Protein backbone atom coordinates (compact mmCIF):
# COMPACT_ATOMS: atom_id res chain seq x y z
CA MET A 1 -15.67 -99.39 127.08
CA ILE A 2 -16.32 -96.52 124.72
CA ASP A 3 -16.50 -92.97 126.03
CA ILE A 4 -19.12 -90.86 124.32
CA TYR A 5 -18.62 -87.11 124.31
CA ALA A 6 -21.15 -84.41 123.51
CA VAL A 7 -19.97 -82.62 120.39
CA SER A 8 -21.32 -79.25 119.27
CA ALA A 9 -20.48 -76.75 116.58
CA SER A 10 -18.10 -73.88 117.30
CA PRO A 11 -17.71 -71.45 118.91
CA HIS A 12 -17.10 -73.18 122.21
CA LEU A 13 -17.47 -70.90 125.25
CA LYS A 14 -15.70 -71.76 128.48
CA GLN A 15 -17.63 -69.35 130.67
CA ARG A 16 -20.95 -67.59 130.66
CA ILE A 17 -19.45 -64.14 130.20
CA SER A 18 -20.50 -61.22 128.04
CA VAL A 19 -19.35 -57.71 127.21
CA PRO A 20 -21.78 -56.10 129.70
CA SER A 21 -20.63 -58.52 132.41
CA VAL A 22 -16.99 -57.62 131.83
CA MET A 23 -17.58 -53.87 131.65
CA TRP A 24 -19.72 -53.65 134.76
CA GLN A 25 -17.18 -55.71 136.70
CA VAL A 26 -14.44 -53.32 135.56
CA ALA A 27 -16.60 -50.42 136.76
CA LEU A 28 -17.04 -52.21 140.08
CA ALA A 29 -13.27 -52.75 140.35
CA LEU A 30 -12.74 -48.99 139.94
CA MET A 31 -14.95 -48.17 142.92
CA PRO A 32 -12.22 -48.55 145.59
CA ALA A 33 -10.15 -45.93 143.78
CA LEU A 34 -13.18 -43.63 143.52
CA LEU A 35 -13.86 -44.03 147.23
CA ALA A 36 -10.21 -43.23 147.93
CA GLY A 37 -10.50 -40.11 145.78
CA ILE A 38 -13.58 -39.01 147.74
CA PHE A 39 -11.81 -39.72 151.02
CA PHE A 40 -8.69 -37.72 150.14
CA PHE A 41 -10.15 -34.92 148.02
CA GLY A 42 -13.80 -34.63 149.05
CA MET A 43 -17.15 -34.93 147.27
CA GLN A 44 -15.90 -32.96 144.27
CA SER A 45 -14.31 -36.23 143.14
CA LEU A 46 -17.74 -37.84 142.95
CA TYR A 47 -19.33 -34.87 141.20
CA LEU A 48 -16.67 -34.74 138.48
CA THR A 49 -17.00 -38.49 137.95
CA ILE A 50 -20.78 -38.20 137.58
CA TYR A 51 -20.33 -35.40 135.00
CA ALA A 52 -17.85 -37.51 133.02
CA VAL A 53 -20.00 -40.67 133.08
CA ALA A 54 -23.17 -38.79 132.14
CA ALA A 55 -21.42 -37.08 129.22
CA ALA A 56 -19.99 -40.39 127.98
CA VAL A 57 -23.34 -42.20 128.12
CA ILE A 58 -25.30 -39.36 126.50
CA THR A 59 -22.70 -38.96 123.73
CA GLU A 60 -22.73 -42.67 122.95
CA ALA A 61 -26.54 -42.80 122.83
CA ALA A 62 -26.76 -39.68 120.65
CA ILE A 63 -24.19 -40.89 118.11
CA GLN A 64 -25.72 -44.36 117.90
CA LYS A 65 -29.12 -42.74 117.38
CA LEU A 66 -27.72 -40.66 114.53
CA ARG A 67 -26.02 -43.71 113.03
CA LYS A 68 -29.30 -45.62 113.29
CA VAL A 69 -27.66 -48.54 115.05
CA PRO A 70 -28.76 -50.25 118.27
CA ILE A 71 -28.15 -48.14 121.37
CA THR A 72 -25.85 -50.08 123.70
CA ILE A 73 -25.35 -47.71 126.62
CA THR A 74 -26.41 -50.46 129.03
CA ASP A 75 -23.30 -52.54 128.26
CA GLY A 76 -21.25 -50.41 130.65
CA SER A 77 -18.41 -49.53 128.26
CA ALA A 78 -19.31 -45.83 128.17
CA VAL A 79 -19.57 -45.81 131.96
CA VAL A 80 -16.05 -47.24 132.28
CA THR A 81 -14.71 -44.65 129.82
CA GLY A 82 -16.33 -41.83 131.80
CA ILE A 83 -14.90 -43.08 135.09
CA LEU A 84 -11.40 -43.34 133.63
CA ILE A 85 -11.64 -39.82 132.17
CA ALA A 86 -12.59 -38.46 135.60
CA PHE A 87 -9.78 -40.44 137.22
CA ASN A 88 -7.27 -38.45 135.15
CA ILE A 89 -8.53 -35.06 136.34
CA ASN A 90 -7.74 -33.22 139.57
CA THR A 91 -10.52 -31.93 141.77
CA SER A 92 -9.74 -28.26 141.23
CA SER A 93 -10.77 -28.60 137.57
CA PRO A 94 -13.99 -26.99 136.28
CA TRP A 95 -17.01 -29.22 135.70
CA TRP A 96 -16.84 -28.89 131.91
CA LEU A 97 -13.37 -30.40 131.63
CA PRO A 98 -14.40 -34.05 132.25
CA VAL A 99 -17.50 -33.46 130.11
CA ILE A 100 -15.44 -32.41 127.09
CA GLY A 101 -12.98 -35.23 127.72
CA SER A 102 -15.75 -37.83 127.74
CA VAL A 103 -17.42 -36.42 124.62
CA PHE A 104 -14.11 -36.55 122.74
CA ALA A 105 -13.27 -40.03 124.05
CA ILE A 106 -16.59 -41.52 122.92
CA ALA A 107 -17.07 -39.59 119.67
CA ILE A 108 -13.49 -39.57 118.33
CA GLY A 109 -11.88 -42.39 120.27
CA LYS A 110 -14.66 -44.94 119.89
CA GLN A 111 -17.71 -44.25 117.72
CA ILE A 112 -15.82 -42.81 114.77
CA PHE A 113 -14.20 -46.24 114.32
CA GLY A 114 -17.55 -48.03 114.48
CA GLY A 115 -18.09 -48.51 118.19
CA LEU A 116 -16.88 -50.95 120.81
CA GLY A 117 -14.57 -53.58 119.39
CA TYR A 118 -13.43 -51.51 116.40
CA ASN A 119 -11.47 -48.70 118.09
CA ILE A 120 -7.68 -48.87 117.75
CA PHE A 121 -6.92 -46.54 120.68
CA ASN A 122 -8.05 -46.70 124.28
CA PRO A 123 -10.84 -44.07 124.27
CA ALA A 124 -10.18 -42.79 127.80
CA LEU A 125 -6.47 -42.30 127.11
CA LEU A 126 -7.23 -40.53 123.85
CA GLY A 127 -9.61 -38.25 125.72
CA ARG A 128 -6.97 -37.50 128.32
CA ALA A 129 -4.36 -36.76 125.65
CA PHE A 130 -6.81 -34.33 124.02
CA LEU A 131 -7.39 -32.53 127.33
CA VAL A 132 -3.65 -32.26 128.06
CA ALA A 133 -3.03 -30.82 124.58
CA SER A 134 -5.96 -28.40 124.80
CA TRP A 135 -5.82 -27.27 128.43
CA PRO A 136 -2.33 -28.17 129.70
CA THR A 137 -2.47 -25.75 132.62
CA LEU A 138 -5.71 -27.19 133.99
CA MET A 139 -4.48 -30.76 133.51
CA THR A 140 -1.00 -30.30 135.01
CA SER A 141 -1.45 -27.75 137.79
CA GLY A 142 -3.76 -26.75 140.61
CA TRP A 143 -3.38 -30.06 142.40
CA LYS A 144 -5.20 -30.51 145.67
CA ALA A 145 -4.07 -32.84 148.45
CA THR A 146 -5.12 -33.64 151.98
CA SER A 147 -1.92 -32.02 153.20
CA PRO A 148 0.78 -29.96 151.48
CA LEU A 149 3.09 -32.15 149.49
CA SER A 150 6.07 -30.55 151.19
CA ASN A 151 4.99 -32.18 154.47
CA ILE A 152 5.51 -35.61 152.95
CA PHE A 153 9.12 -34.82 152.10
CA GLU A 154 9.74 -32.55 155.08
CA SER A 155 11.61 -35.09 157.18
CA SER A 156 13.79 -36.06 154.22
CA ILE A 157 14.71 -32.50 153.35
CA ASN A 158 15.29 -31.48 156.94
CA GLY A 159 17.55 -34.47 157.40
CA LEU A 160 19.96 -33.25 154.75
CA LYS A 161 22.72 -30.96 155.92
CA ASN A 162 24.42 -28.06 154.17
CA LEU A 163 21.77 -27.69 151.49
CA PRO A 164 22.02 -24.57 149.37
CA SER A 165 19.30 -22.00 149.98
CA ASN A 166 17.77 -22.59 146.53
CA VAL A 167 16.95 -26.28 147.16
CA PRO A 168 13.42 -25.55 148.45
CA GLU A 169 12.69 -23.77 145.16
CA VAL A 170 13.93 -26.77 143.22
CA ILE A 171 11.69 -29.27 145.02
CA THR A 172 8.58 -27.10 145.09
CA SER A 173 6.33 -29.08 142.76
CA ALA A 174 2.80 -30.40 142.69
CA THR A 175 3.38 -34.13 142.45
CA PRO A 176 6.10 -36.63 143.35
CA LEU A 177 6.96 -37.15 139.67
CA GLY A 178 7.16 -33.39 139.28
CA VAL A 179 9.70 -33.29 142.11
CA ALA A 180 11.79 -36.01 140.48
CA LYS A 181 11.59 -34.26 137.11
CA ALA A 182 12.65 -30.94 138.62
CA LEU A 183 15.65 -32.57 140.25
CA ARG A 184 16.74 -34.24 137.02
CA ASP A 185 16.40 -31.04 135.02
CA THR A 186 17.93 -28.60 137.49
CA THR A 187 21.45 -27.30 137.21
CA GLN A 188 21.11 -24.94 140.17
CA ILE A 189 22.35 -27.27 142.90
CA GLY A 190 24.67 -29.59 141.01
CA SER A 191 24.27 -33.24 140.08
CA ASP A 192 25.72 -34.60 143.32
CA MET A 193 23.31 -32.64 145.48
CA ALA A 194 20.37 -33.44 143.18
CA GLU A 195 21.23 -37.15 143.41
CA THR A 196 21.33 -36.91 147.21
CA VAL A 197 17.98 -35.14 147.38
CA MET A 198 16.35 -37.59 144.96
CA ASN A 199 17.55 -40.62 146.93
CA SER A 200 16.26 -38.99 150.09
CA LEU A 201 12.84 -38.39 148.54
CA SER A 202 12.46 -42.05 147.60
CA ASN A 203 12.53 -43.29 151.19
CA SER A 204 10.17 -45.62 153.04
CA ASP A 205 7.98 -42.77 154.34
CA THR A 206 7.48 -41.44 150.83
CA ILE A 207 6.68 -44.91 149.48
CA GLN A 208 4.12 -45.41 152.23
CA ASN A 209 2.39 -42.11 151.41
CA LEU A 210 2.39 -42.97 147.71
CA PHE A 211 0.94 -46.42 148.40
CA TRP A 212 -1.97 -45.20 150.51
CA GLY A 213 -2.59 -41.95 148.61
CA ASN A 214 -1.55 -39.11 150.89
CA VAL A 215 -0.08 -37.10 148.00
CA GLY A 216 -1.12 -34.55 145.44
CA GLY A 217 -2.55 -35.94 142.24
CA VAL A 218 -5.64 -36.71 140.21
CA ILE A 219 -8.76 -38.48 141.45
CA GLY A 220 -8.11 -42.05 140.38
CA GLU A 221 -4.32 -42.32 140.43
CA VAL A 222 -3.60 -41.17 143.94
CA SER A 223 -4.06 -44.40 145.94
CA ALA A 224 -2.08 -47.39 144.68
CA ALA A 225 -3.63 -49.56 147.41
CA ALA A 226 -7.18 -48.88 146.18
CA LEU A 227 -6.22 -49.58 142.57
CA LEU A 228 -4.53 -52.85 143.52
CA ILE A 229 -7.68 -53.99 145.33
CA GLY A 230 -9.64 -53.48 142.11
CA ALA A 231 -6.93 -55.14 140.03
CA ALA A 232 -6.93 -58.17 142.34
CA TYR A 233 -10.68 -58.49 141.86
CA LEU A 234 -10.35 -58.43 138.06
CA ALA A 235 -7.55 -61.00 138.18
CA TYR A 236 -9.67 -63.22 140.43
CA LYS A 237 -12.51 -62.99 137.91
CA HIS A 238 -10.08 -63.76 135.05
CA ILE A 239 -10.96 -60.50 133.31
CA ILE A 240 -7.31 -59.45 133.21
CA GLU A 241 -4.23 -61.64 133.28
CA TRP A 242 -0.68 -61.08 134.45
CA ARG A 243 1.35 -60.69 131.26
CA ILE A 244 0.72 -57.04 130.38
CA PRO A 245 0.78 -55.50 133.89
CA ILE A 246 3.72 -57.54 135.15
CA SER A 247 5.86 -57.01 132.05
CA TYR A 248 4.93 -53.30 132.10
CA ILE A 249 5.70 -52.71 135.77
CA GLY A 250 8.73 -55.00 135.72
CA THR A 251 10.25 -53.10 132.80
CA VAL A 252 9.74 -49.77 134.57
CA PHE A 253 11.34 -51.19 137.73
CA ILE A 254 14.44 -52.47 135.95
CA LEU A 255 14.99 -49.42 133.75
CA THR A 256 14.47 -46.85 136.51
CA TYR A 257 16.90 -48.76 138.73
CA ILE A 258 19.53 -48.73 135.97
CA PHE A 259 18.96 -45.25 134.53
CA GLY A 260 16.91 -43.45 137.20
CA GLY A 261 19.84 -41.88 139.00
CA ILE A 262 21.43 -38.59 138.07
CA ASN A 263 25.12 -39.55 138.34
CA GLY A 264 25.22 -42.51 135.97
CA LEU A 265 24.07 -46.11 135.86
CA PHE A 266 22.83 -47.80 139.04
CA SER A 267 23.43 -44.59 141.03
CA ALA A 268 19.86 -44.45 142.31
CA SER A 269 18.51 -45.92 145.53
CA ILE A 270 16.81 -49.30 145.20
CA LEU A 271 13.63 -47.57 146.40
CA LEU A 272 13.59 -45.20 143.42
CA PRO A 273 12.03 -47.83 141.10
CA VAL A 274 9.32 -48.40 143.73
CA PHE A 275 8.83 -44.64 143.83
CA HIS A 276 8.27 -44.65 140.05
CA ILE A 277 5.83 -47.56 140.22
CA PHE A 278 3.60 -45.98 142.85
CA SER A 279 3.86 -42.44 141.42
CA GLY A 280 1.62 -41.05 138.71
CA GLY A 281 -0.67 -43.26 136.70
CA LEU A 282 1.43 -46.40 136.31
CA ILE A 283 -0.77 -48.69 138.45
CA LEU A 284 -3.97 -47.37 136.86
CA GLY A 285 -2.51 -47.65 133.38
CA ALA A 286 -0.93 -51.07 133.79
CA PHE A 287 -4.01 -52.82 135.21
CA PHE A 288 -6.98 -50.90 133.83
CA MET A 289 -5.91 -49.30 130.52
CA ALA A 290 -3.09 -51.31 128.97
CA THR A 291 -5.15 -54.49 129.53
CA ASP A 292 -8.09 -53.21 127.47
CA MET A 293 -9.26 -56.25 125.48
CA VAL A 294 -9.92 -54.28 122.30
CA THR A 295 -6.65 -52.36 122.06
CA SER A 296 -4.15 -54.92 123.41
CA PRO A 297 -2.65 -58.00 121.71
CA VAL A 298 -4.51 -61.30 121.70
CA THR A 299 -1.43 -63.53 121.79
CA LYS A 300 0.43 -64.40 124.99
CA ARG A 301 3.86 -63.43 123.67
CA GLY A 302 2.36 -60.31 122.17
CA ARG A 303 1.04 -59.18 125.53
CA ILE A 304 4.50 -59.44 127.06
CA ILE A 305 6.03 -57.47 124.20
CA PHE A 306 3.23 -54.90 124.51
CA GLY A 307 3.81 -54.48 128.24
CA MET A 308 7.57 -54.17 127.81
CA GLY A 309 7.07 -51.56 125.08
CA CYS A 310 4.79 -49.54 127.36
CA GLY A 311 7.39 -49.73 130.12
CA ILE A 312 10.25 -48.60 127.90
CA LEU A 313 8.30 -45.65 126.52
CA THR A 314 7.11 -44.62 129.98
CA VAL A 315 10.66 -44.53 131.35
CA VAL A 316 12.00 -42.67 128.31
CA ILE A 317 9.32 -39.99 128.63
CA ARG A 318 9.73 -39.68 132.40
CA LEU A 319 13.53 -39.54 132.42
CA VAL A 320 14.36 -37.89 129.10
CA GLY A 321 11.22 -36.17 127.83
CA GLY A 322 9.90 -32.79 128.82
CA TYR A 323 6.83 -34.18 130.60
CA PRO A 324 7.11 -35.86 134.02
CA GLU A 325 4.50 -38.55 133.22
CA GLY A 326 4.53 -40.95 130.29
CA VAL A 327 1.94 -43.65 130.97
CA SER A 328 -0.87 -42.34 128.76
CA TYR A 329 1.30 -41.64 125.73
CA SER A 330 3.20 -44.90 126.05
CA ILE A 331 0.00 -46.97 125.94
CA LEU A 332 -1.43 -44.95 123.05
CA LEU A 333 1.76 -45.38 121.05
CA MET A 334 1.79 -49.11 121.73
CA ASN A 335 -1.88 -49.36 120.70
CA ILE A 336 -0.69 -48.50 117.17
CA THR A 337 1.65 -51.50 117.15
CA VAL A 338 -0.93 -54.09 118.23
CA PRO A 339 -1.83 -55.38 114.73
CA LEU A 340 1.87 -55.81 113.94
CA ILE A 341 2.55 -57.53 117.26
CA ASP A 342 -0.36 -59.92 116.76
CA ARG A 343 0.77 -60.72 113.23
CA TYR A 344 4.29 -61.74 114.22
CA THR A 345 3.45 -63.54 117.47
CA LEU A 346 0.74 -65.86 116.20
CA PRO A 347 1.23 -69.38 117.57
CA LYS A 348 1.96 -72.16 115.13
CA ILE A 349 -1.14 -73.86 113.80
CA PHE A 350 -1.53 -77.37 115.18
CA GLY A 351 -0.01 -79.83 112.71
CA GLU A 352 1.68 -77.12 110.65
CA VAL A 353 5.19 -77.81 109.39
CA ARG A 354 7.19 -74.66 108.75
CA ALA A 355 9.06 -74.52 105.45
């Protein structure tokens, strides 16, 4: 018996999937985080997101019109960029901040390279970096939360005995990462006391608040639970795969457990790495930004190396640098290395014999 197979010319597509399909599903996966932002911070979260999306779409259409190329605003990529820009802004920001961020992200981060598929940096991250450099006070202060951040840590602080009177000043900060950064940098209370306070902050109550979103922060980063729901949807649809996020988060976990303490190696609580994972923009960055198909490696080994590089840079910036958060800059820096990573991690061609 002879089996006859249908043979066709390449390319061979496994699924009926397109760029618009992928982008609109990513936008859909971001909706739980947007709803969480509205729940915790109010309707201002929605308004700022609408401003950012509108600015991104209009900018893309205007530039494509000027370039005399097909207008592709219906593919959803500009919408995703606008949502991610808004997710990196706190609700006390003026309306023009996400607008400028979206215009910069589309014009400089995307269209200047030729449009979708040609950009070397993640446009939303580039837009965020521009906003932080231009308006650092607006981007790093004025946080709004459903309850004062001090309430989250109140039981931990009150449970410590014989604290110096200046400890409350040390821990007064807008975000959990800001608290950890202040403790690492302070010399007012001594390293032993700072270590004790830090281990107390990374307790189960704190982790629970970080997971659900009852903390100060920006619109889209605040609820890890909402982001993980969206990430699970993308994984189910095979739009993202495990290598980048798992290697990224795993590297942060290991390094913060080893180096995250103040009094030497492995001096931190085992919950401190979990604190670092759920704090700041790590979940958003690992699942929704580092996995960008255009700016991440195409090889399997390359994705693991990329994720590990992002994790190392994030920990270095958080623990050693002068800025409490390092996710955005770590991914942007690793975006530069993608061509090199792809070049040296190419799989061997079938039938090739190496010299």
